[in-house]
Amino acid sequence: MRVKSKPLDALTAGDLMTRDVISLPVEMPLRDAARLLRQAQVSGAPVVDQQGRCVGVLSAADFLRWAEQEKRDAKEVPIPACPYQVKGRLLTGEEAVICTLAEGLCPLQTMRSTTGGRHTALCTLSSAGHSDRQQEFEDLPGDAVSHYMTTDIVTTGPETPLPHLARMMIDAHIHRLIVVDKDQRPIGIVSSTDLLAAMAYSDNGQQADAAMS
């Protein structure tokens, strides 16, 4: 993120975006996509076609929609645990199901206070189907991610300025934008956290300049 050398209102998506983007092939099985997201410790990734063009996004919300559909279609069948669940133990000694996603990325999170003002995200999804990690992935469908991804995506170019990025996120009620090149191939991701970090660094820079003057 190159924010210190440019004024805040001059920053663009290209300055703020994370460039190490994981893309999921449209034909990749859902269970393999879940493994890849888990290994990369990210909550979602763009889905690309054979030409590398962005055609969708697969995120934690899509896994939750699949689980809810399974629950409606087969009420007697235990629902596999969310692939972002991890069994853990709180400082109180209480066993809990920890959500590994960042705070605010899943509507089924509940925050539990720990020490020093810190918080831990707990998963409120039933953990009855929770098993070892390998079994979690095996319980997911082998169908292609194209059947589960969100196709109503919001993309932007690397030249889009920061104020417009913020308005796009607010208008679409999303926390991240996929940055694409002229051929619609993903080249980066800008999150709401990136925007906040840019503003924080900018404020620090202005305070430092004022103190030195």
C-alpha atoms as a PDB file:
ATOM      1  CA  MET A   1       0.000   0.000   0.000  1.00  0.00           C
ATOM      2  CA  ARG A   2       1.605   3.237  -1.179  1.00  0.00           C
ATOM      3  CA  VAL A   3      -0.150   5.892   0.903  1.00  0.00           C
ATOM      4  CA  LYS A   4       2.544   7.998   2.542  1.00  0.00           C
ATOM      5  CA  SER A   5       3.810   9.630  -0.653  1.00  0.00           C
ATOM      6  CA  LYS A   6       0.430  10.824  -1.947  1.00  0.00           C
ATOM      7  CA  PRO A   7      -2.351  13.053  -0.573  1.00  0.00           C
ATOM      8  CA  LEU A   8      -5.414  11.185   0.642  1.00  0.00           C
ATOM      9  CA  ASP A   9      -7.685  12.481  -2.126  1.00  0.00           C
ATOM     10  CA  ALA A  10      -5.137  11.418  -4.760  1.00  0.00           C
ATOM     11  CA  LEU A  11      -4.982   7.767  -3.680  1.00  0.00           C
ATOM     12  CA  THR A  12      -6.434   5.221  -6.084  1.00  0.00           C
ATOM     13  CA  ALA A  13      -7.405   1.552  -6.009  1.00  0.00           C
ATOM     14  CA  GLY A  14      -3.998   0.761  -7.475  1.00  0.00           C
ATOM     15  CA  ASP A  15      -2.315   2.411  -4.485  1.00  0.00           C
ATOM     16  CA  LEU A  16      -4.457   0.657  -1.869  1.00  0.00           C
ATOM     17  CA  MET A  17      -5.134  -2.796  -3.251  1.00  0.00           C
ATOM     18  CA  THR A  18      -3.677  -6.091  -2.099  1.00  0.00           C
ATOM     19  CA  ARG A  19      -1.892  -7.479  -5.133  1.00  0.00           C
ATOM     20  CA  ASP A  20      -1.396 -11.093  -4.023  1.00  0.00           C
ATOM     21  CA  VAL A  21      -4.830 -12.212  -5.228  1.00  0.00           C
ATOM     22  CA  ILE A  22      -6.013 -15.814  -5.121  1.00  0.00           C
ATOM     23  CA  SER A  23      -8.372 -16.638  -7.984  1.00  0.00           C
ATOM     24  CA  LEU A  24     -10.613 -19.701  -8.163  1.00  0.00           C
ATOM     25  CA  PRO A  25     -11.177 -21.402 -11.536  1.00  0.00           C
ATOM     26  CA  VAL A  26     -14.870 -21.519 -12.360  1.00  0.00           C
ATOM     27  CA  GLU A  27     -14.773 -25.319 -12.685  1.00  0.00           C
ATOM     28  CA  MET A  28     -12.980 -25.924  -9.340  1.00  0.00           C
ATOM     29  CA  PRO A  29     -14.951 -28.206  -6.953  1.00  0.00           C
ATOM     30  CA  LEU A  30     -16.415 -26.374  -3.969  1.00  0.00           C
ATOM     31  CA  ARG A  31     -14.553 -28.544  -1.470  1.00  0.00           C
ATOM     32  CA  ASP A  32     -11.214 -27.747  -3.151  1.00  0.00           C
ATOM     33  CA  ALA A  33     -12.053 -24.042  -3.138  1.00  0.00           C
ATOM     34  CA  ALA A  34     -12.789 -24.233   0.590  1.00  0.00           C
ATOM     35  CA  ARG A  35      -9.400 -25.851   1.223  1.00  0.00           C
ATOM     36  CA  LEU A  36      -7.631 -23.140  -0.786  1.00  0.00           C
ATOM     37  CA  LEU A  37      -9.404 -20.304   1.028  1.00  0.00           C
ATOM     38  CA  ARG A  38      -8.641 -21.919   4.385  1.00  0.00           C
ATOM     39  CA  GLN A  39      -4.955 -22.335   3.552  1.00  0.00           C
ATOM     40  CA  ALA A  40      -4.717 -18.723   2.402  1.00  0.00           C
ATOM     41  CA  GLN A  41      -6.657 -17.535   5.485  1.00  0.00           C
ATOM     42  CA  VAL A  42      -9.013 -15.414   3.402  1.00  0.00           C
ATOM     43  CA  SER A  43     -12.806 -15.276   3.502  1.00  0.00           C
ATOM     44  CA  GLY A  44     -13.392 -15.065  -0.233  1.00  0.00           C
ATOM     45  CA  ALA A  45     -11.824 -14.843  -3.666  1.00  0.00           C
ATOM     46  CA  PRO A  46     -12.758 -13.924  -7.235  1.00  0.00           C
ATOM     47  CA  VAL A  47     -13.836 -16.712  -9.575  1.00  0.00           C
ATOM     48  CA  VAL A  48     -12.405 -16.608 -13.089  1.00  0.00           C
ATOM     49  CA  ASP A  49     -13.277 -18.246 -16.389  1.00  0.00           C
ATOM     50  CA  GLN A  50     -10.845 -19.981 -18.743  1.00  0.00           C
ATOM     51  CA  GLN A  51      -9.671 -16.604 -20.065  1.00  0.00           C
ATOM     52  CA  GLY A  52      -8.925 -15.388 -16.527  1.00  0.00           C
ATOM     53  CA  ARG A  53     -11.833 -12.922 -16.516  1.00  0.00           C
ATOM     54  CA  CYS A  54     -13.675 -12.331 -13.262  1.00  0.00           C
ATOM     55  CA  VAL A  55     -17.144 -13.890 -13.444  1.00  0.00           C
ATOM     56  CA  GLY A  56     -18.060 -14.157  -9.776  1.00  0.00           C
ATOM     57  CA  VAL A  57     -16.985 -14.240  -6.152  1.00  0.00           C
ATOM     58  CA  LEU A  58     -16.992 -17.123  -3.681  1.00  0.00           C
ATOM     59  CA  SER A  59     -17.151 -16.097  -0.032  1.00  0.00           C
ATOM     60  CA  ALA A  60     -18.187 -17.299   3.396  1.00  0.00           C
ATOM     61  CA  ALA A  61     -21.709 -16.035   2.703  1.00  0.00           C
ATOM     62  CA  ASP A  62     -21.996 -18.465  -0.218  1.00  0.00           C
ATOM     63  CA  PHE A  63     -21.017 -21.407   2.001  1.00  0.00           C
ATOM     64  CA  LEU A  64     -23.663 -20.327   4.511  1.00  0.00           C
ATOM     65  CA  ARG A  65     -26.319 -20.108   1.801  1.00  0.00           C
ATOM     66  CA  TRP A  66     -25.420 -23.626   0.698  1.00  0.00           C
ATOM     67  CA  ALA A  67     -25.691 -24.904   4.285  1.00  0.00           C
ATOM     68  CA  GLU A  68     -29.083 -23.265   4.740  1.00  0.00           C
ATOM     69  CA  GLN A  69     -30.341 -24.782   1.471  1.00  0.00           C
ATOM     70  CA  GLU A  70     -29.131 -28.207   2.558  1.00  0.00           C
ATOM     71  CA  LYS A  71     -30.983 -27.764   5.821  1.00  0.00           C
ATOM     72  CA  ARG A  72     -34.229 -26.950   4.006  1.00  0.00           C
ATOM     73  CA  ASP A  73     -33.871 -29.790   1.498  1.00  0.00           C
ATOM     74  CA  ALA A  74     -32.845 -32.526   3.943  1.00  0.00           C
ATOM     75  CA  LYS A  75     -33.944 -31.732   7.456  1.00  0.00           C
ATOM     76  CA  GLU A  76     -32.901 -35.146   8.765  1.00  0.00           C
ATOM     77  CA  VAL A  77     -29.354 -34.873   7.460  1.00  0.00           C
ATOM     78  CA  PRO A  78     -26.759 -33.269   9.789  1.00  0.00           C
ATOM     79  CA  ILE A  79     -25.341 -30.111   8.300  1.00  0.00           C
ATOM     80  CA  PRO A  80     -21.563 -30.122   7.927  1.00  0.00           C
ATOM     81  CA  ALA A  81     -19.759 -27.458   9.877  1.00  0.00           C
ATOM     82  CA  CYS A  82     -18.737 -24.227   8.228  1.00  0.00           C
ATOM     83  CA  PRO A  83     -15.174 -24.581   6.876  1.00  0.00           C
ATOM     84  CA  TYR A  84     -14.225 -21.493   8.895  1.00  0.00           C
ATOM     85  CA  GLN A  85     -15.056 -23.155  12.231  1.00  0.00           C
ATOM     86  CA  VAL A  86     -12.258 -24.235  14.552  1.00  0.00           C
ATOM     87  CA  LYS A  87     -12.733 -25.948  17.888  1.00  0.00           C
ATOM     88  CA  GLY A  88     -11.038 -24.080  20.686  1.00  0.00           C
ATOM     89  CA  ARG A  89     -11.072 -23.227  24.353  1.00  0.00           C
ATOM     90  CA  LEU A  90     -11.638 -19.790  25.881  1.00  0.00           C
ATOM     91  CA  LEU A  91      -9.554 -18.374  28.720  1.00  0.00           C
ATOM     92  CA  THR A  92     -12.351 -19.407  31.088  1.00  0.00           C
ATOM     93  CA  GLY A  93     -11.745 -23.023  30.112  1.00  0.00           C
ATOM     94  CA  GLU A  94     -15.031 -23.166  28.230  1.00  0.00           C
ATOM     95  CA  GLU A  95     -15.002 -25.116  24.968  1.00  0.00           C
ATOM     96  CA  ALA A  96     -16.142 -23.043  22.000  1.00  0.00           C
ATOM     97  CA  VAL A  97     -16.350 -23.028  18.228  1.00  0.00           C
ATOM     98  CA  ILE A  98     -14.116 -20.207  17.005  1.00  0.00           C
ATOM     99  CA  CYS A  99     -14.806 -18.313  13.785  1.00  0.00           C
ATOM    100  CA  THR A 100     -11.530 -17.785  11.900  1.00  0.00           C
ATOM    101  CA  LEU A 101     -12.933 -14.989   9.745  1.00  0.00           C
ATOM    102  CA  ALA A 102     -12.166 -11.379  10.586  1.00  0.00           C
ATOM    103  CA  GLU A 103     -14.708  -9.530  12.723  1.00  0.00           C
ATOM    104  CA  GLY A 104     -17.745  -8.439  10.734  1.00  0.00           C
ATOM    105  CA  LEU A 105     -17.256 -10.788   7.775  1.00  0.00           C
ATOM    106  CA  CYS A 106     -19.888 -13.319   8.849  1.00  0.00           C
ATOM    107  CA  PRO A 107     -23.406 -12.556  10.132  1.00  0.00           C
ATOM    108  CA  LEU A 108     -23.273 -15.645  12.371  1.00  0.00           C
ATOM    109  CA  GLN A 109     -20.386 -14.323  14.454  1.00  0.00           C
ATOM    110  CA  THR A 110     -20.774 -13.298  18.060  1.00  0.00           C
ATOM    111  CA  MET A 111     -17.935 -11.464  19.754  1.00  0.00           C
ATOM    112  CA  ARG A 112     -16.687 -12.601  23.167  1.00  0.00           C
ATOM    113  CA  SER A 113     -14.459 -10.302  25.256  1.00  0.00           C
ATOM    114  CA  THR A 114     -11.101 -11.716  26.334  1.00  0.00           C
ATOM    115  CA  THR A 115      -8.262  -9.834  28.040  1.00  0.00           C
ATOM    116  CA  GLY A 116      -6.698  -6.459  27.380  1.00  0.00           C
ATOM    117  CA  GLY A 117      -9.725  -5.198  25.495  1.00  0.00           C
ATOM    118  CA  ARG A 118      -9.393  -7.927  22.858  1.00  0.00           C
ATOM    119  CA  HIS A 119     -12.229 -10.012  21.439  1.00  0.00           C
ATOM    120  CA  THR A 120     -12.670 -13.487  19.996  1.00  0.00           C
ATOM    121  CA  ALA A 121     -15.198 -14.276  17.268  1.00  0.00           C
ATOM    122  CA  LEU A 122     -17.390 -17.273  18.108  1.00  0.00           C
ATOM    123  CA  CYS A 123     -19.545 -19.109  15.579  1.00  0.00           C
ATOM    124  CA  THR A 124     -23.248 -19.392  16.370  1.00  0.00           C
ATOM    125  CA  LEU A 125     -23.815 -21.999  13.650  1.00  0.00           C
ATOM    126  CA  SER A 126     -24.646 -25.337  15.198  1.00  0.00           C
ATOM    127  CA  SER A 127     -21.460 -27.292  15.826  1.00  0.00           C
ATOM    128  CA  ALA A 128     -23.245 -30.639  15.960  1.00  0.00           C
ATOM    129  CA  GLY A 129     -21.783 -31.577  12.605  1.00  0.00           C
ATOM    130  CA  HIS A 130     -18.293 -30.407  13.491  1.00  0.00           C
ATOM    131  CA  SER A 131     -15.668 -33.061  12.929  1.00  0.00           C
ATOM    132  CA  ASP A 132     -12.005 -33.081  12.083  1.00  0.00           C
ATOM    133  CA  ARG A 133     -10.846 -30.612   9.459  1.00  0.00           C
ATOM    134  CA  GLN A 134     -10.443 -33.114   6.636  1.00  0.00           C
ATOM    135  CA  GLN A 135     -13.974 -34.419   7.138  1.00  0.00           C
ATOM    136  CA  GLU A 136     -15.355 -30.875   7.022  1.00  0.00           C
ATOM    137  CA  PHE A 137     -14.051 -30.455   3.499  1.00  0.00           C
ATOM    138  CA  GLU A 138     -15.131 -33.915   2.400  1.00  0.00           C
ATOM    139  CA  ASP A 139     -18.686 -33.064   3.458  1.00  0.00           C
ATOM    140  CA  LEU A 140     -18.780 -30.179   0.998  1.00  0.00           C
ATOM    141  CA  PRO A 141     -20.104 -30.810  -2.529  1.00  0.00           C
ATOM    142  CA  GLY A 142     -17.811 -31.721  -5.384  1.00  0.00           C
ATOM    143  CA  ASP A 143     -19.801 -29.551  -7.786  1.00  0.00           C
ATOM    144  CA  ALA A 144     -18.062 -26.623  -9.468  1.00  0.00           C
ATOM    145  CA  VAL A 145     -17.925 -23.282  -7.667  1.00  0.00           C
ATOM    146  CA  SER A 146     -19.960 -21.819 -10.546  1.00  0.00           C
ATOM    147  CA  HIS A 147     -23.064 -23.366  -8.924  1.00  0.00           C
ATOM    148  CA  TYR A 148     -22.476 -21.565  -5.613  1.00  0.00           C
ATOM    149  CA  MET A 149     -20.635 -18.314  -6.376  1.00  0.00           C
ATOM    150  CA  THR A 150     -22.184 -14.862  -6.300  1.00  0.00           C
ATOM    151  CA  THR A 151     -22.411 -13.497  -9.840  1.00  0.00           C
ATOM    152  CA  ASP A 152     -23.671 -10.015  -8.927  1.00  0.00           C
ATOM    153  CA  ILE A 153     -20.185  -8.642  -8.377  1.00  0.00           C
ATOM    154  CA  VAL A 154     -18.770  -5.146  -8.118  1.00  0.00           C
ATOM    155  CA  THR A 155     -15.423  -4.497  -9.800  1.00  0.00           C
ATOM    156  CA  THR A 156     -13.351  -1.395 -10.360  1.00  0.00           C
ATOM    157  CA  GLY A 157     -10.256  -0.295 -12.226  1.00  0.00           C
ATOM    158  CA  PRO A 158      -6.894   0.541 -10.617  1.00  0.00           C
ATOM    159  CA  GLU A 159      -7.340   4.262 -11.377  1.00  0.00           C
ATOM    160  CA  THR A 160     -10.535   4.679  -9.309  1.00  0.00           C
ATOM    161  CA  PRO A 161      -9.982   7.313  -6.562  1.00  0.00           C
ATOM    162  CA  LEU A 162     -10.470   6.570  -2.872  1.00  0.00           C
ATOM    163  CA  PRO A 163     -13.686   8.633  -2.379  1.00  0.00           C
ATOM    164  CA  HIS A 164     -15.367   6.779  -5.237  1.00  0.00           C
ATOM    165  CA  LEU A 165     -14.233   3.424  -3.825  1.00  0.00           C
ATOM    166  CA  ALA A 166     -15.882   4.296  -0.501  1.00  0.00           C
ATOM    167  CA  ARG A 167     -19.142   5.279  -2.217  1.00  0.00           C
ATOM    168  CA  MET A 168     -19.160   2.045  -4.230  1.00  0.00           C
ATOM    169  CA  MET A 169     -18.828  -0.038  -1.052  1.00  0.00           C
ATOM    170  CA  ILE A 170     -21.527   1.916   0.750  1.00  0.00           C
ATOM    171  CA  ASP A 171     -23.969   1.790  -2.172  1.00  0.00           C
ATOM    172  CA  ALA A 172     -23.461  -1.962  -2.721  1.00  0.00           C
ATOM    173  CA  HIS A 173     -23.329  -2.802   1.024  1.00  0.00           C
ATOM    174  CA  ILE A 174     -20.040  -4.662   0.595  1.00  0.00           C
ATOM    175  CA  HIS A 175     -16.653  -4.625   2.344  1.00  0.00           C
ATOM    176  CA  ARG A 176     -14.332  -5.281  -0.586  1.00  0.00           C
ATOM    177  CA  LEU A 177     -13.966  -4.508  -4.282  1.00  0.00           C
ATOM    178  CA  ILE A 178     -12.209  -6.593  -6.906  1.00  0.00           C
ATOM    179  CA  VAL A 179      -9.778  -4.540  -8.944  1.00  0.00           C
ATOM    180  CA  VAL A 180      -9.590  -5.684 -12.578  1.00  0.00           C
ATOM    181  CA  ASP A 181      -7.537  -4.750 -15.621  1.00  0.00           C
ATOM    182  CA  LYS A 182      -8.981  -3.706 -18.982  1.00  0.00           C
ATOM    183  CA  ASP A 183      -9.644  -7.370 -19.812  1.00  0.00           C
ATOM    184  CA  GLN A 184     -11.610  -7.915 -16.575  1.00  0.00           C
ATOM    185  CA  ARG A 185      -8.883 -10.050 -15.042  1.00  0.00           C
ATOM    186  CA  PRO A 186      -8.431  -9.656 -11.250  1.00  0.00           C
ATOM    187  CA  ILE A 187      -5.243  -7.812 -10.318  1.00  0.00           C
ATOM    188  CA  GLY A 188      -6.032  -6.844  -6.726  1.00  0.00           C
ATOM    189  CA  ILE A 189      -8.572  -6.437  -3.941  1.00  0.00           C
ATOM    190  CA  VAL A 190      -9.413  -3.299  -1.977  1.00  0.00           C
ATOM    191  CA  SER A 191     -11.175  -3.765   1.356  1.00  0.00           C
ATOM    192  CA  SER A 192     -12.851  -1.311   3.697  1.00  0.00           C
ATOM    193  CA  THR A 193      -9.917  -1.957   6.044  1.00  0.00           C
ATOM    194  CA  ASP A 194      -7.548  -0.711   3.345  1.00  0.00           C
ATOM    195  CA  LEU A 195      -9.530   2.528   3.121  1.00  0.00           C
ATOM    196  CA  LEU A 196      -9.465   2.993   6.891  1.00  0.00           C
ATOM    197  CA  ALA A 197      -5.728   2.284   7.013  1.00  0.00           C
ATOM    198  CA  ALA A 198      -5.105   4.885   4.306  1.00  0.00           C
ATOM    199  CA  MET A 199      -7.049   7.496   6.256  1.00  0.00           C
ATOM    200  CA  ALA A 200      -5.234   6.590   9.488  1.00  0.00           C
ATOM    201  CA  TYR A 201      -1.807   6.908   7.880  1.00  0.00           C
ATOM    202  CA  SER A 202      -2.837  10.175   6.295  1.00  0.00           C
ATOM    203  CA  ASP A 203      -3.962  11.581   9.654  1.00  0.00           C
ATOM    204  CA  ASN A 204      -0.693  10.510  11.254  1.00  0.00           C
ATOM    205  CA  GLY A 205       1.247  12.201   8.498  1.00  0.00           C
ATOM    206  CA  GLN A 206      -0.684  15.456   8.891  1.00  0.00           C
ATOM    207  CA  GLN A 207      -0.155  15.429  12.670  1.00  0.00           C
ATOM    208  CA  ALA A 208       3.564  14.793  12.232  1.00  0.00           C
ATOM    209  CA  ASP A 209       3.869  17.672   9.735  1.00  0.00           C
ATOM    210  CA  ALA A 210       2.000  19.994  12.098  1.00  0.00           C
ATOM    211  CA  ALA A 211       4.260  19.072  15.014  1.00  0.00           C
ATOM    212  CA  MET A 212       7.389  19.796  12.985  1.00  0.00           C
ATOM    213  CA  SER A 213       6.204  23.167  11.688  1.00  0.00           C
END
